[in-house]
Amino acid sequence: MNYKQMKLISGEELICEVVSWNDDGKNDEDNTMIIRNAAELGYHEDIEEAIRYYIFRPFMVYQQDQLLVLNGNNITAIANPHPDL
């Protein structure tokens, strides 16, 4: 499986399986990515306890196992997630 971690221009951070990516560089309008099992990565800081909690939540409600089309122009960074994730 091809999992990627992505930072979107909206500030959201995703971890998802990339099924396919149409990035031929010819047309920005065709820069789409088919993904599934998308989860948004979030965190909460407890300043009093000096602890940071990381959480995963579905990127879209009721779409956890469905294929989603993501506009590749909305991605600012892509990385391979740490194996522990």
C-alpha atoms as a PDB file:
ATOM      1  CA  MET A   1       0.000   0.000   0.000  1.00  0.00           C
ATOM      2  CA  ASN A   2       1.131   3.514  -0.826  1.00  0.00           C
ATOM      3  CA  TYR A   3       0.398   5.719   2.206  1.00  0.00           C
ATOM      4  CA  LYS A   4       1.334   9.398   2.191  1.00  0.00           C
ATOM      5  CA  GLN A   5       1.197  12.224   4.690  1.00  0.00           C
ATOM      6  CA  MET A   6       0.031  15.527   3.186  1.00  0.00           C
ATOM      7  CA  LYS A   7      -0.287  19.112   4.319  1.00  0.00           C
ATOM      8  CA  LEU A   8      -3.123  20.929   2.517  1.00  0.00           C
ATOM      9  CA  ILE A   9      -3.269  24.654   1.795  1.00  0.00           C
ATOM     10  CA  SER A  10      -6.129  24.863   4.322  1.00  0.00           C
ATOM     11  CA  GLY A  11      -3.733  23.748   7.087  1.00  0.00           C
ATOM     12  CA  GLU A  12      -5.246  20.278   7.440  1.00  0.00           C
ATOM     13  CA  GLU A  13      -2.856  17.354   7.611  1.00  0.00           C
ATOM     14  CA  LEU A  14      -3.883  14.015   6.109  1.00  0.00           C
ATOM     15  CA  ILE A  15      -2.615  10.478   6.120  1.00  0.00           C
ATOM     16  CA  CYS A  16      -4.150   8.399   3.361  1.00  0.00           C
ATOM     17  CA  GLU A  17      -3.617   5.623   0.880  1.00  0.00           C
ATOM     18  CA  VAL A  18      -2.906   6.999  -2.602  1.00  0.00           C
ATOM     19  CA  VAL A  19      -4.604   4.804  -5.198  1.00  0.00           C
ATOM     20  CA  SER A  20      -3.593   6.875  -8.224  1.00  0.00           C
ATOM     21  CA  TRP A  21      -2.308  10.339  -9.028  1.00  0.00           C
ATOM     22  CA  ASN A  22      -2.723  12.093 -12.363  1.00  0.00           C
ATOM     23  CA  ASP A  23       0.259  14.459 -12.244  1.00  0.00           C
ATOM     24  CA  ASP A  24       1.568  14.593 -15.787  1.00  0.00           C
ATOM     25  CA  GLY A  25       2.401  18.309 -15.516  1.00  0.00           C
ATOM     26  CA  LYS A  26       0.505  19.177 -18.700  1.00  0.00           C
ATOM     27  CA  ASN A  27      -2.621  20.670 -17.190  1.00  0.00           C
ATOM     28  CA  ASP A  28      -3.190  21.973 -13.643  1.00  0.00           C
ATOM     29  CA  GLU A  29      -6.912  21.204 -13.958  1.00  0.00           C
ATOM     30  CA  ASP A  30      -6.161  17.481 -14.332  1.00  0.00           C
ATOM     31  CA  ASN A  31      -3.939  17.305 -11.232  1.00  0.00           C
ATOM     32  CA  THR A  32      -6.148  14.937  -9.249  1.00  0.00           C
ATOM     33  CA  MET A  33      -5.385  12.253  -6.725  1.00  0.00           C
ATOM     34  CA  ILE A  34      -7.583   9.247  -5.913  1.00  0.00           C
ATOM     35  CA  ILE A  35      -7.261   8.396  -2.212  1.00  0.00           C
ATOM     36  CA  ARG A  36      -8.905   6.136   0.356  1.00  0.00           C
ATOM     37  CA  ASN A  37      -8.710   5.541   4.102  1.00  0.00           C
ATOM     38  CA  ALA A  38      -8.105   9.257   4.605  1.00  0.00           C
ATOM     39  CA  ALA A  39      -7.612  10.395   8.181  1.00  0.00           C
ATOM     40  CA  GLU A  40      -6.973  13.905   9.403  1.00  0.00           C
ATOM     41  CA  LEU A  41      -4.134  14.229  11.873  1.00  0.00           C
ATOM     42  CA  GLY A  42      -4.772  16.623  14.720  1.00  0.00           C
ATOM     43  CA  TYR A  43      -3.291  17.427  18.076  1.00  0.00           C
ATOM     44  CA  HIS A  44      -4.230  18.939  21.382  1.00  0.00           C
ATOM     45  CA  GLU A  45      -1.828  20.488  23.865  1.00  0.00           C
ATOM     46  CA  ASP A  46      -2.408  20.362  27.597  1.00  0.00           C
ATOM     47  CA  ILE A  47      -0.219  23.229  28.751  1.00  0.00           C
ATOM     48  CA  GLU A  48      -0.714  22.512  32.449  1.00  0.00           C
ATOM     49  CA  GLU A  49       0.429  18.890  32.071  1.00  0.00           C
ATOM     50  CA  ALA A  50       2.971  19.706  29.310  1.00  0.00           C
ATOM     51  CA  ILE A  51       1.548  16.908  27.143  1.00  0.00           C
ATOM     52  CA  ARG A  52       0.628  16.906  23.459  1.00  0.00           C
ATOM     53  CA  TYR A  53      -2.030  14.432  22.269  1.00  0.00           C
ATOM     54  CA  TYR A  54      -2.210  13.342  18.628  1.00  0.00           C
ATOM     55  CA  ILE A  55      -5.481  12.088  17.206  1.00  0.00           C
ATOM     56  CA  PHE A  56      -6.769  10.638  13.963  1.00  0.00           C
ATOM     57  CA  ARG A  57     -10.270  11.387  12.746  1.00  0.00           C
ATOM     58  CA  PRO A  58     -11.986  10.664   9.442  1.00  0.00           C
ATOM     59  CA  PHE A  59     -11.265  13.307   6.809  1.00  0.00           C
ATOM     60  CA  MET A  60     -14.885  13.107   5.615  1.00  0.00           C
ATOM     61  CA  VAL A  61     -17.712  11.692   7.719  1.00  0.00           C
ATOM     62  CA  TYR A  62     -19.066   8.323   6.468  1.00  0.00           C
ATOM     63  CA  GLN A  63     -16.364   8.113   3.768  1.00  0.00           C
ATOM     64  CA  GLN A  64     -13.685   6.100   5.560  1.00  0.00           C
ATOM     65  CA  ASP A  65     -13.533   3.164   3.106  1.00  0.00           C
ATOM     66  CA  GLN A  66     -14.685   5.031   0.003  1.00  0.00           C
ATOM     67  CA  LEU A  67     -12.572   6.398  -2.821  1.00  0.00           C
ATOM     68  CA  LEU A  68     -12.147  10.180  -2.705  1.00  0.00           C
ATOM     69  CA  VAL A  69     -10.887  12.564  -5.379  1.00  0.00           C
ATOM     70  CA  LEU A  70      -8.468  15.161  -4.032  1.00  0.00           C
ATOM     71  CA  ASN A  71      -7.399  18.187  -6.052  1.00  0.00           C
ATOM     72  CA  GLY A  72      -3.610  17.942  -6.165  1.00  0.00           C
ATOM     73  CA  ASN A  73      -3.318  21.734  -6.448  1.00  0.00           C
ATOM     74  CA  ASN A  74      -4.454  21.998  -2.804  1.00  0.00           C
ATOM     75  CA  ILE A  75      -1.424  20.143  -1.452  1.00  0.00           C
ATOM     76  CA  THR A  76       1.553  22.112  -0.139  1.00  0.00           C
ATOM     77  CA  ALA A  77       3.712  19.200   1.031  1.00  0.00           C
ATOM     78  CA  ILE A  78       3.827  15.399   0.715  1.00  0.00           C
ATOM     79  CA  ALA A  79       5.928  12.986   2.745  1.00  0.00           C
ATOM     80  CA  ASN A  80       6.155   9.329   3.611  1.00  0.00           C
ATOM     81  CA  PRO A  81       4.642   8.855   7.065  1.00  0.00           C
ATOM     82  CA  HIS A  82       6.695   7.396   9.887  1.00  0.00           C
ATOM     83  CA  PRO A  83       6.263   3.586  10.018  1.00  0.00           C
ATOM     84  CA  ASP A  84       4.695   3.813  13.505  1.00  0.00           C
ATOM     85  CA  LEU A  85       1.753   5.708  12.034  1.00  0.00           C
END
